Amino acid sequence: MKSVDALRRKLRGLLAVTRDSAATDHERANAEALKARIEGQLRAEGAPKGDWTDTAFRLGRTLRKLDQSTAPPESVSGSAKIPYRLGKALGQGLKKWRSTS
C-alpha cells in the first residue's frame, strides 16, 4: 500500500517537471523515462487492497484538510466594538489628564 502511494506521489512530481516551462530538454527526457518506469511498476502492483488502512489514511488526509481553514478570522462584532472604543478613548483621555497635572 505504501509503495503505491509513494509511486503516485513520484508520478505527480515528474508530471510537474514535464509541464514546467523552465525545465531543460534533458530534465524533461529524464522525467519521461522515469514516468514510464514508474507507471510500469504501478501496473505490476495493482490496485490498493481497500482494507481498513486505506480508509484510515484517506480519512486522516480529509481531516487534515478540514483543519486548515481558508476563511478569514471573524472581526469583532458591533456590540463588542462599543466598550472597546470607549475604553480606548477613556485611556487616552486619562493619559492626557495625567500628563497635564
PDB file of N, CA and C in Angstrom:
ATOM      1  N   MET A   1       0.816  -1.191   0.000  1.00  0.00           N
ATOM      2  CA  MET A   1       0.000   0.000   0.000  1.00  0.00           C
ATOM      3  C   MET A   1       0.862   1.258   0.000  1.00  0.00           C
ATOM      4  N   LYS A   2       1.883   1.270   0.860  1.00  0.00           N
ATOM      5  CA  LYS A   2       2.727   2.452   0.940  1.00  0.00           C
ATOM      6  C   LYS A   2       3.479   2.671  -0.361  1.00  0.00           C
ATOM      7  N   SER A   3       3.896   1.590  -1.004  1.00  0.00           N
ATOM      8  CA  SER A   3       4.662   1.749  -2.231  1.00  0.00           C
ATOM      9  C   SER A   3       3.804   2.339  -3.342  1.00  0.00           C
ATOM     10  N   VAL A   4       2.530   1.983  -3.399  1.00  0.00           N
ATOM     11  CA  VAL A   4       1.649   2.513  -4.433  1.00  0.00           C
ATOM     12  C   VAL A   4       1.460   4.011  -4.237  1.00  0.00           C
ATOM     13  N   ASP A   5       1.235   4.442  -2.998  1.00  0.00           N
ATOM     14  CA  ASP A   5       1.078   5.873  -2.731  1.00  0.00           C
ATOM     15  C   ASP A   5       2.369   6.634  -3.034  1.00  0.00           C
ATOM     16  N   ALA A   6       3.496   6.050  -2.689  1.00  0.00           N
ATOM     17  CA  ALA A   6       4.776   6.695  -2.969  1.00  0.00           C
ATOM     18  C   ALA A   6       4.994   6.819  -4.474  1.00  0.00           C
ATOM     19  N   LEU A   7       4.640   5.789  -5.213  1.00  0.00           N
ATOM     20  CA  LEU A   7       4.800   5.844  -6.663  1.00  0.00           C
ATOM     21  C   LEU A   7       3.895   6.904  -7.275  1.00  0.00           C
ATOM     22  N   ARG A   8       2.693   7.031  -6.753  1.00  0.00           N
ATOM     23  CA  ARG A   8       1.780   8.060  -7.264  1.00  0.00           C
ATOM     24  C   ARG A   8       2.287   9.458  -6.963  1.00  0.00           C
ATOM     25  N   ARG A   9       2.880   9.650  -5.779  1.00  0.00           N
ATOM     26  CA  ARG A   9       3.463  10.952  -5.451  1.00  0.00           C
ATOM     27  C   ARG A   9       4.620  11.267  -6.394  1.00  0.00           C
ATOM     28  N   LYS A  10       5.441  10.274  -6.669  1.00  0.00           N
ATOM     29  CA  LYS A  10       6.561  10.485  -7.592  1.00  0.00           C
ATOM     30  C   LYS A  10       6.062  10.827  -8.984  1.00  0.00           C
ATOM     31  N   LEU A  11       4.995  10.175  -9.405  1.00  0.00           N
ATOM     32  CA  LEU A  11       4.425  10.480 -10.723  1.00  0.00           C
ATOM     33  C   LEU A  11       3.931  11.921 -10.798  1.00  0.00           C
ATOM     34  N   ARG A  12       3.300  12.399  -9.720  1.00  0.00           N
ATOM     35  CA  ARG A  12       2.838  13.785  -9.713  1.00  0.00           C
ATOM     36  C   ARG A  12       4.018  14.750  -9.828  1.00  0.00           C
ATOM     37  N   GLY A  13       5.118  14.446  -9.140  1.00  0.00           N
ATOM     38  CA  GLY A  13       6.307  15.288  -9.229  1.00  0.00           C
ATOM     39  C   GLY A  13       6.911  15.276 -10.619  1.00  0.00           C
ATOM     40  N   LEU A  14       6.964  14.112 -11.237  1.00  0.00           N
ATOM     41  CA  LEU A  14       7.512  14.013 -12.586  1.00  0.00           C
ATOM     42  C   LEU A  14       6.625  14.737 -13.592  1.00  0.00           C
ATOM     43  N   LEU A  15       5.341  14.660 -13.395  1.00  0.00           N
ATOM     44  CA  LEU A  15       4.422  15.368 -14.279  1.00  0.00           C
ATOM     45  C   LEU A  15       4.621  16.880 -14.159  1.00  0.00           C
ATOM     46  N   ALA A  16       4.889  17.338 -12.954  1.00  0.00           N
ATOM     47  CA  ALA A  16       5.150  18.763 -12.755  1.00  0.00           C
ATOM     48  C   ALA A  16       6.421  19.186 -13.483  1.00  0.00           C
ATOM     49  N   VAL A  17       7.435  18.315 -13.499  1.00  0.00           N
ATOM     50  CA  VAL A  17       8.680  18.635 -14.200  1.00  0.00           C
ATOM     51  C   VAL A  17       8.436  18.707 -15.702  1.00  0.00           C
ATOM     52  N   THR A  18       7.662  17.773 -16.224  1.00  0.00           N
ATOM     53  CA  THR A  18       7.425  17.781 -17.666  1.00  0.00           C
ATOM     54  C   THR A  18       6.591  18.986 -18.104  1.00  0.00           C
ATOM     55  N   ARG A  19       5.741  19.509 -17.229  1.00  0.00           N
ATOM     56  CA  ARG A  19       4.919  20.672 -17.573  1.00  0.00           C
ATOM     57  C   ARG A  19       5.618  21.997 -17.293  1.00  0.00           C
ATOM     58  N   ASP A  20       6.738  21.960 -16.565  1.00  0.00           N
ATOM     59  CA  ASP A  20       7.450  23.179 -16.200  1.00  0.00           C
ATOM     60  C   ASP A  20       8.114  23.785 -17.432  1.00  0.00           C
ATOM     61  N   SER A  21       7.845  25.057 -17.676  1.00  0.00           N
ATOM     62  CA  SER A  21       8.419  25.718 -18.851  1.00  0.00           C
ATOM     63  C   SER A  21       9.902  26.019 -18.673  1.00  0.00           C
ATOM     64  N   ALA A  22      10.386  26.067 -17.433  1.00  0.00           N
ATOM     65  CA  ALA A  22      11.787  26.367 -17.177  1.00  0.00           C
ATOM     66  C   ALA A  22      12.664  25.118 -17.210  1.00  0.00           C
ATOM     67  N   ALA A  23      12.078  23.936 -17.322  1.00  0.00           N
ATOM     68  CA  ALA A  23      12.860  22.698 -17.334  1.00  0.00           C
ATOM     69  C   ALA A  23      13.583  22.553 -18.672  1.00  0.00           C
ATOM     70  N   THR A  24      14.791  22.015 -18.604  1.00  0.00           N
ATOM     71  CA  THR A  24      15.571  21.803 -19.831  1.00  0.00           C
ATOM     72  C   THR A  24      15.084  20.553 -20.541  1.00  0.00           C
ATOM     73  N   ASP A  25      15.552  20.377 -21.766  1.00  0.00           N
ATOM     74  CA  ASP A  25      15.153  19.202 -22.541  1.00  0.00           C
ATOM     75  C   ASP A  25      15.644  17.920 -21.877  1.00  0.00           C
ATOM     76  N   HIS A  26      16.852  17.957 -21.298  1.00  0.00           N
ATOM     77  CA  HIS A  26      17.394  16.771 -20.627  1.00  0.00           C
ATOM     78  C   HIS A  26      16.560  16.403 -19.400  1.00  0.00           C
ATOM     79  N   GLU A  27      16.123  17.418 -18.634  1.00  0.00           N
ATOM     80  CA  GLU A  27      15.284  17.146 -17.468  1.00  0.00           C
ATOM     81  C   GLU A  27      13.944  16.544 -17.883  1.00  0.00           C
ATOM     82  N   ARG A  28      13.387  17.069 -18.948  1.00  0.00           N
ATOM     83  CA  ARG A  28      12.118  16.519 -19.430  1.00  0.00           C
ATOM     84  C   ARG A  28      12.279  15.084 -19.914  1.00  0.00           C
ATOM     85  N   ALA A  29      13.384  14.807 -20.618  1.00  0.00           N
ATOM     86  CA  ALA A  29      13.623  13.443 -21.106  1.00  0.00           C
ATOM     87  C   ALA A  29      13.796  12.476 -19.943  1.00  0.00           C
ATOM     88  N   ASN A  30      14.546  12.890 -18.921  1.00  0.00           N
ATOM     89  CA  ASN A  30      14.722  12.044 -17.734  1.00  0.00           C
ATOM     90  C   ASN A  30      13.392  11.814 -17.034  1.00  0.00           C
ATOM     91  N   ALA A  31      12.572  12.872 -16.929  1.00  0.00           N
ATOM     92  CA  ALA A  31      11.274  12.744 -16.272  1.00  0.00           C
ATOM     93  C   ALA A  31      10.363  11.797 -17.044  1.00  0.00           C
ATOM     94  N   GLU A  32      10.385  11.883 -18.361  1.00  0.00           N
ATOM     95  CA  GLU A  32       9.558  10.979 -19.169  1.00  0.00           C
ATOM     96  C   GLU A  32       9.995   9.527 -18.992  1.00  0.00           C
ATOM     97  N   ALA A  33      11.325   9.285 -18.958  1.00  0.00           N
ATOM     98  CA  ALA A  33      11.828   7.918 -18.784  1.00  0.00           C
ATOM     99  C   ALA A  33      11.435   7.369 -17.412  1.00  0.00           C
ATOM    100  N   LEU A  34      11.603   8.184 -16.383  1.00  0.00           N
ATOM    101  CA  LEU A  34      11.223   7.753 -15.039  1.00  0.00           C
ATOM    102  C   LEU A  34       9.714   7.536 -14.933  1.00  0.00           C
ATOM    103  N   LYS A  35       8.950   8.393 -15.598  1.00  0.00           N
ATOM    104  CA  LYS A  35       7.497   8.272 -15.574  1.00  0.00           C
ATOM    105  C   LYS A  35       7.054   6.940 -16.182  1.00  0.00           C
ATOM    106  N   ALA A  36       7.666   6.567 -17.302  1.00  0.00           N
ATOM    107  CA  ALA A  36       7.315   5.300 -17.946  1.00  0.00           C
ATOM    108  C   ALA A  36       7.663   4.115 -17.040  1.00  0.00           C
ATOM    109  N   ARG A  37       8.816   4.194 -16.368  1.00  0.00           N
ATOM    110  CA  ARG A  37       9.222   3.101 -15.477  1.00  0.00           C
ATOM    111  C   ARG A  37       8.287   3.000 -14.272  1.00  0.00           C
ATOM    112  N   ILE A  38       7.907   4.132 -13.686  1.00  0.00           N
ATOM    113  CA  ILE A  38       7.037   4.122 -12.506  1.00  0.00           C
ATOM    114  C   ILE A  38       5.632   3.646 -12.880  1.00  0.00           C
ATOM    115  N   GLU A  39       5.142   4.065 -14.060  1.00  0.00           N
ATOM    116  CA  GLU A  39       3.827   3.588 -14.486  1.00  0.00           C
ATOM    117  C   GLU A  39       3.817   2.072 -14.646  1.00  0.00           C
ATOM    118  N   GLY A  40       4.930   1.515 -15.127  1.00  0.00           N
ATOM    119  CA  GLY A  40       5.046   0.059 -15.217  1.00  0.00           C
ATOM    120  C   GLY A  40       5.006  -0.601 -13.845  1.00  0.00           C
ATOM    121  N   GLN A  41       5.672   0.020 -12.868  1.00  0.00           N
ATOM    122  CA  GLN A  41       5.656  -0.517 -11.505  1.00  0.00           C
ATOM    123  C   GLN A  41       4.249  -0.448 -10.916  1.00  0.00           C
ATOM    124  N   LEU A  42       3.529   0.625 -11.212  1.00  0.00           N
ATOM    125  CA  LEU A  42       2.157   0.745 -10.710  1.00  0.00           C
ATOM    126  C   LEU A  42       1.257  -0.340 -11.295  1.00  0.00           C
ATOM    127  N   ARG A  43       1.427  -0.611 -12.569  1.00  0.00           N
ATOM    128  CA  ARG A  43       0.624  -1.671 -13.177  1.00  0.00           C
ATOM    129  C   ARG A  43       0.936  -3.014 -12.536  1.00  0.00           C
ATOM    130  N   ALA A  44       2.207  -3.240 -12.207  1.00  0.00           N
ATOM    131  CA  ALA A  44       2.604  -4.500 -11.584  1.00  0.00           C
ATOM    132  C   ALA A  44       2.047  -4.615 -10.161  1.00  0.00           C
ATOM    133  N   GLU A  45       1.989  -3.502  -9.439  1.00  0.00           N
ATOM    134  CA  GLU A  45       1.480  -3.512  -8.065  1.00  0.00           C
ATOM    135  C   GLU A  45      -0.021  -3.771  -8.027  1.00  0.00           C
ATOM    136  N   GLY A  46      -0.736  -3.244  -8.980  1.00  0.00           N
ATOM    137  CA  GLY A  46      -2.189  -3.409  -8.995  1.00  0.00           C
ATOM    138  C   GLY A  46      -2.880  -2.354  -8.158  1.00  0.00           C
ATOM    139  N   ALA A  47      -4.167  -2.503  -7.989  1.00  0.00           N
ATOM    140  CA  ALA A  47      -4.976  -1.552  -7.223  1.00  0.00           C
ATOM    141  C   ALA A  47      -4.783  -1.787  -5.725  1.00  0.00           C
ATOM    142  N   PRO A  48      -4.974  -0.759  -4.901  1.00  0.00           N
ATOM    143  CA  PRO A  48      -4.884  -0.951  -3.455  1.00  0.00           C
ATOM    144  C   PRO A  48      -5.928  -1.955  -2.977  1.00  0.00           C
ATOM    145  N   LYS A  49      -5.611  -2.625  -1.890  1.00  0.00           N
ATOM    146  CA  LYS A  49      -6.486  -3.683  -1.372  1.00  0.00           C
ATOM    147  C   LYS A  49      -7.819  -3.134  -0.869  1.00  0.00           C
ATOM    148  N   GLY A  50      -7.828  -1.892  -0.418  1.00  0.00           N
ATOM    149  CA  GLY A  50      -9.073  -1.296   0.072  1.00  0.00           C
ATOM    150  C   GLY A  50      -9.416  -1.752   1.481  1.00  0.00           C
ATOM    151  N   ASP A  51      -8.417  -2.180   2.262  1.00  0.00           N
ATOM    152  CA  ASP A  51      -8.694  -2.596   3.634  1.00  0.00           C
ATOM    153  C   ASP A  51      -8.824  -1.371   4.546  1.00  0.00           C
ATOM    154  N   TRP A  52      -8.865  -1.586   5.836  1.00  0.00           N
ATOM    155  CA  TRP A  52      -9.123  -0.509   6.780  1.00  0.00           C
ATOM    156  C   TRP A  52      -7.993   0.519   6.798  1.00  0.00           C
ATOM    157  N   THR A  53      -6.752   0.128   6.471  1.00  0.00           N
ATOM    158  CA  THR A  53      -5.653   1.097   6.491  1.00  0.00           C
ATOM    159  C   THR A  53      -5.825   2.136   5.392  1.00  0.00           C
ATOM    160  N   ASP A  54      -6.309   1.700   4.238  1.00  0.00           N
ATOM    161  CA  ASP A  54      -6.555   2.635   3.147  1.00  0.00           C
ATOM    162  C   ASP A  54      -7.637   3.636   3.540  1.00  0.00           C
ATOM    163  N   THR A  55      -8.678   3.155   4.166  1.00  0.00           N
ATOM    164  CA  THR A  55      -9.773   4.022   4.603  1.00  0.00           C
ATOM    165  C   THR A  55      -9.292   4.991   5.680  1.00  0.00           C
ATOM    166  N   ALA A  56      -8.489   4.508   6.620  1.00  0.00           N
ATOM    167  CA  ALA A  56      -7.978   5.375   7.691  1.00  0.00           C
ATOM    168  C   ALA A  56      -7.056   6.451   7.129  1.00  0.00           C
ATOM    169  N   PHE A  57      -6.236   6.078   6.147  1.00  0.00           N
ATOM    170  CA  PHE A  57      -5.332   7.050   5.531  1.00  0.00           C
ATOM    171  C   PHE A  57      -6.128   8.163   4.857  1.00  0.00           C
ATOM    172  N   ARG A  58      -7.128   7.807   4.092  1.00  0.00           N
ATOM    173  CA  ARG A  58      -7.928   8.798   3.380  1.00  0.00           C
ATOM    174  C   ARG A  58      -8.733   9.665   4.356  1.00  0.00           C
ATOM    175  N   LEU A  59      -9.220   9.067   5.443  1.00  0.00           N
ATOM    176  CA  LEU A  59      -9.934   9.829   6.458  1.00  0.00           C
ATOM    177  C   LEU A  59      -8.995  10.842   7.119  1.00  0.00           C
ATOM    178  N   GLY A  60      -7.787  10.413   7.446  1.00  0.00           N
ATOM    179  CA  GLY A  60      -6.804  11.320   8.050  1.00  0.00           C
ATOM    180  C   GLY A  60      -6.452  12.477   7.132  1.00  0.00           C
ATOM    181  N   ARG A  61      -6.305  12.203   5.860  1.00  0.00           N
ATOM    182  CA  ARG A  61      -5.992  13.248   4.892  1.00  0.00           C
ATOM    183  C   ARG A  61      -7.152  14.245   4.805  1.00  0.00           C
ATOM    184  N   THR A  62      -8.374  13.747   4.799  1.00  0.00           N
ATOM    185  CA  THR A  62      -9.543  14.621   4.732  1.00  0.00           C
ATOM    186  C   THR A  62      -9.644  15.480   5.988  1.00  0.00           C
ATOM    187  N   LEU A  63      -9.395  14.893   7.156  1.00  0.00           N
ATOM    188  CA  LEU A  63      -9.458  15.658   8.402  1.00  0.00           C
ATOM    189  C   LEU A  63      -8.382  16.727   8.444  1.00  0.00           C
ATOM    190  N   ARG A  64      -7.211  16.444   7.903  1.00  0.00           N
ATOM    191  CA  ARG A  64      -6.144  17.432   7.879  1.00  0.00           C
ATOM    192  C   ARG A  64      -6.543  18.614   7.004  1.00  0.00           C
ATOM    193  N   LYS A  65      -7.212  18.346   5.890  1.00  0.00           N
ATOM    194  CA  LYS A  65      -7.665  19.436   5.024  1.00  0.00           C
ATOM    195  C   LYS A  65      -8.750  20.260   5.700  1.00  0.00           C
ATOM    196  N   LEU A  66      -9.602  19.622   6.500  1.00  0.00           N
ATOM    197  CA  LEU A  66     -10.644  20.351   7.204  1.00  0.00           C
ATOM    198  C   LEU A  66     -10.068  21.257   8.272  1.00  0.00           C
ATOM    199  N   ASP A  67      -8.921  20.870   8.849  1.00  0.00           N
ATOM    200  CA  ASP A  67      -8.272  21.665   9.885  1.00  0.00           C
ATOM    201  C   ASP A  67      -7.776  22.998   9.346  1.00  0.00           C
ATOM    202  N   GLN A  68      -7.392  23.039   8.092  1.00  0.00           N
ATOM    203  CA  GLN A  68      -6.823  24.240   7.504  1.00  0.00           C
ATOM    204  C   GLN A  68      -7.951  25.109   6.958  1.00  0.00           C
ATOM    205  N   SER A  69      -8.316  26.114   7.706  1.00  0.00           N
ATOM    206  CA  SER A  69      -9.419  26.987   7.315  1.00  0.00           C
ATOM    207  C   SER A  69      -8.927  28.035   6.325  1.00  0.00           C
ATOM    208  N   THR A  70      -9.724  28.311   5.323  1.00  0.00           N
ATOM    209  CA  THR A  70      -9.375  29.341   4.359  1.00  0.00           C
ATOM    210  C   THR A  70     -10.141  30.630   4.610  1.00  0.00           C
ATOM    211  N   ALA A  71     -11.105  30.610   5.519  1.00  0.00           N
ATOM    212  CA  ALA A  71     -11.898  31.797   5.809  1.00  0.00           C
ATOM    213  C   ALA A  71     -11.107  32.744   6.709  1.00  0.00           C
ATOM    214  N   PRO A  72     -11.247  34.042   6.512  1.00  0.00           N
ATOM    215  CA  PRO A  72     -10.559  34.988   7.386  1.00  0.00           C
ATOM    216  C   PRO A  72     -11.148  34.935   8.792  1.00  0.00           C
ATOM    217  N   PRO A  73     -10.374  35.312   9.804  1.00  0.00           N
ATOM    218  CA  PRO A  73     -10.911  35.285  11.169  1.00  0.00           C
ATOM    219  C   PRO A  73     -12.044  36.291  11.321  1.00  0.00           C
ATOM    220  N   GLU A  74     -12.956  35.976  12.205  1.00  0.00           N
ATOM    221  CA  GLU A  74     -14.106  36.849  12.425  1.00  0.00           C
ATOM    222  C   GLU A  74     -13.656  38.150  13.088  1.00  0.00           C
ATOM    223  N   SER A  75     -14.230  39.246  12.653  1.00  0.00           N
ATOM    224  CA  SER A  75     -13.919  40.531  13.264  1.00  0.00           C
ATOM    225  C   SER A  75     -14.772  40.703  14.518  1.00  0.00           C
ATOM    226  N   VAL A  76     -14.435  41.693  15.287  1.00  0.00           N
ATOM    227  CA  VAL A  76     -15.189  41.973  16.498  1.00  0.00           C
ATOM    228  C   VAL A  76     -16.581  42.434  16.098  1.00  0.00           C
ATOM    229  N   SER A  77     -17.596  41.891  16.753  1.00  0.00           N
ATOM    230  CA  SER A  77     -18.971  42.239  16.393  1.00  0.00           C
ATOM    231  C   SER A  77     -19.297  43.666  16.822  1.00  0.00           C
ATOM    232  N   GLY A  78     -20.413  44.186  16.356  1.00  0.00           N
ATOM    233  CA  GLY A  78     -20.818  45.567  16.617  1.00  0.00           C
ATOM    234  C   GLY A  78     -20.986  45.882  18.087  1.00  0.00           C
ATOM    235  N   SER A  79     -21.560  44.949  18.841  1.00  0.00           N
ATOM    236  CA  SER A  79     -21.808  45.234  20.252  1.00  0.00           C
ATOM    237  C   SER A  79     -20.518  45.194  21.064  1.00  0.00           C
ATOM    238  N   ALA A  80     -19.506  44.497  20.607  1.00  0.00           N
ATOM    239  CA  ALA A  80     -18.238  44.435  21.335  1.00  0.00           C
ATOM    240  C   ALA A  80     -17.337  45.610  20.987  1.00  0.00           C
ATOM    241  N   LYS A  81     -17.599  46.276  19.875  1.00  0.00           N
ATOM    242  CA  LYS A  81     -16.762  47.409  19.473  1.00  0.00           C
ATOM    243  C   LYS A  81     -16.992  48.621  20.382  1.00  0.00           C
ATOM    244  N   ILE A  82     -18.209  48.791  20.858  1.00  0.00           N
ATOM    245  CA  ILE A  82     -18.552  49.977  21.658  1.00  0.00           C
ATOM    246  C   ILE A  82     -17.732  50.027  22.952  1.00  0.00           C
ATOM    247  N   PRO A  83     -17.714  48.972  23.791  1.00  0.00           N
ATOM    248  CA  PRO A  83     -16.899  49.056  25.005  1.00  0.00           C
ATOM    249  C   PRO A  83     -15.406  49.174  24.710  1.00  0.00           C
ATOM    250  N   TYR A  84     -14.965  48.536  23.621  1.00  0.00           N
ATOM    251  CA  TYR A  84     -13.542  48.608  23.271  1.00  0.00           C
ATOM    252  C   TYR A  84     -13.158  50.049  22.940  1.00  0.00           C
ATOM    253  N   ARG A  85     -13.952  50.697  22.106  1.00  0.00           N
ATOM    254  CA  ARG A  85     -13.648  52.072  21.721  1.00  0.00           C
ATOM    255  C   ARG A  85     -13.806  53.040  22.900  1.00  0.00           C
ATOM    256  N   LEU A  86     -14.793  52.790  23.756  1.00  0.00           N
ATOM    257  CA  LEU A  86     -14.993  53.625  24.932  1.00  0.00           C
ATOM    258  C   LEU A  86     -13.796  53.513  25.877  1.00  0.00           C
ATOM    259  N   GLY A  87     -13.341  52.290  26.090  1.00  0.00           N
ATOM    260  CA  GLY A  87     -12.175  52.089  26.951  1.00  0.00           C
ATOM    261  C   GLY A  87     -10.925  52.720  26.374  1.00  0.00           C
ATOM    262  N   LYS A  88     -10.784  52.640  25.067  1.00  0.00           N
ATOM    263  CA  LYS A  88      -9.624  53.237  24.414  1.00  0.00           C
ATOM    264  C   LYS A  88      -9.661  54.762  24.549  1.00  0.00           C
ATOM    265  N   ALA A  89     -10.838  55.352  24.347  1.00  0.00           N
ATOM    266  CA  ALA A  89     -10.978  56.806  24.468  1.00  0.00           C
ATOM    267  C   ALA A  89     -10.729  57.260  25.906  1.00  0.00           C
ATOM    268  N   LEU A  90     -11.273  56.525  26.885  1.00  0.00           N
ATOM    269  CA  LEU A  90     -11.038  56.880  28.291  1.00  0.00           C
ATOM    270  C   LEU A  90      -9.566  56.762  28.654  1.00  0.00           C
ATOM    271  N   GLY A  91      -8.920  55.736  28.140  1.00  0.00           N
ATOM    272  CA  GLY A  91      -7.490  55.567  28.422  1.00  0.00           C
ATOM    273  C   GLY A  91      -6.653  56.699  27.864  1.00  0.00           C
ATOM    274  N   GLN A  92      -6.983  57.127  26.645  1.00  0.00           N
ATOM    275  CA  GLN A  92      -6.238  58.247  26.060  1.00  0.00           C
ATOM    276  C   GLN A  92      -6.519  59.546  26.799  1.00  0.00           C
ATOM    277  N   GLY A  93      -7.779  59.753  27.210  1.00  0.00           N
ATOM    278  CA  GLY A  93      -8.124  60.949  27.980  1.00  0.00           C
ATOM    279  C   GLY A  93      -7.413  60.968  29.322  1.00  0.00           C
ATOM    280  N   LEU A  94      -7.369  59.809  30.001  1.00  0.00           N
ATOM    281  CA  LEU A  94      -6.677  59.714  31.277  1.00  0.00           C
ATOM    282  C   LEU A  94      -5.183  59.978  31.104  1.00  0.00           C
ATOM    283  N   LYS A  95      -4.618  59.500  30.016  1.00  0.00           N
ATOM    284  CA  LYS A  95      -3.189  59.696  29.747  1.00  0.00           C
ATOM    285  C   LYS A  95      -2.902  61.204  29.555  1.00  0.00           C
ATOM    286  N   LYS A  96      -3.775  61.877  28.811  1.00  0.00           N
ATOM    287  CA  LYS A  96      -3.592  63.330  28.609  1.00  0.00           C
ATOM    288  C   LYS A  96      -3.779  64.086  29.931  1.00  0.00           C
ATOM    289  N   TRP A  97      -4.753  63.699  30.739  1.00  0.00           N
ATOM    290  CA  TRP A  97      -5.032  64.365  32.008  1.00  0.00           C
ATOM    291  C   TRP A  97      -3.838  64.234  32.966  1.00  0.00           C
ATOM    292  N   ARG A  98      -3.238  63.021  32.973  1.00  0.00           N
ATOM    293  CA  ARG A  98      -2.081  62.799  33.855  1.00  0.00           C
ATOM    294  C   ARG A  98      -0.865  63.603  33.400  1.00  0.00           C
ATOM    295  N   SER A  99      -0.689  63.773  32.096  1.00  0.00           N
ATOM    296  CA  SER A  99       0.471  64.494  31.604  1.00  0.00           C
ATOM    297  C   SER A  99       0.357  66.004  31.879  1.00  0.00           C
ATOM    298  N   THR A 100      -0.851  66.562  31.971  1.00  0.00           N
ATOM    299  CA  THR A 100      -1.045  67.993  32.228  1.00  0.00           C
ATOM    300  C   THR A 100      -1.008  68.286  33.725  1.00  0.00           C
ATOM    301  N   SER A 101      -1.264  67.330  34.561  1.00  0.00           N
ATOM    302  CA  SER A 101      -1.322  67.582  36.004  1.00  0.00           C
ATOM    303  C   SER A 101       0.021  67.573  36.638  1.00  0.00           C
TER     304      SER A 101
END
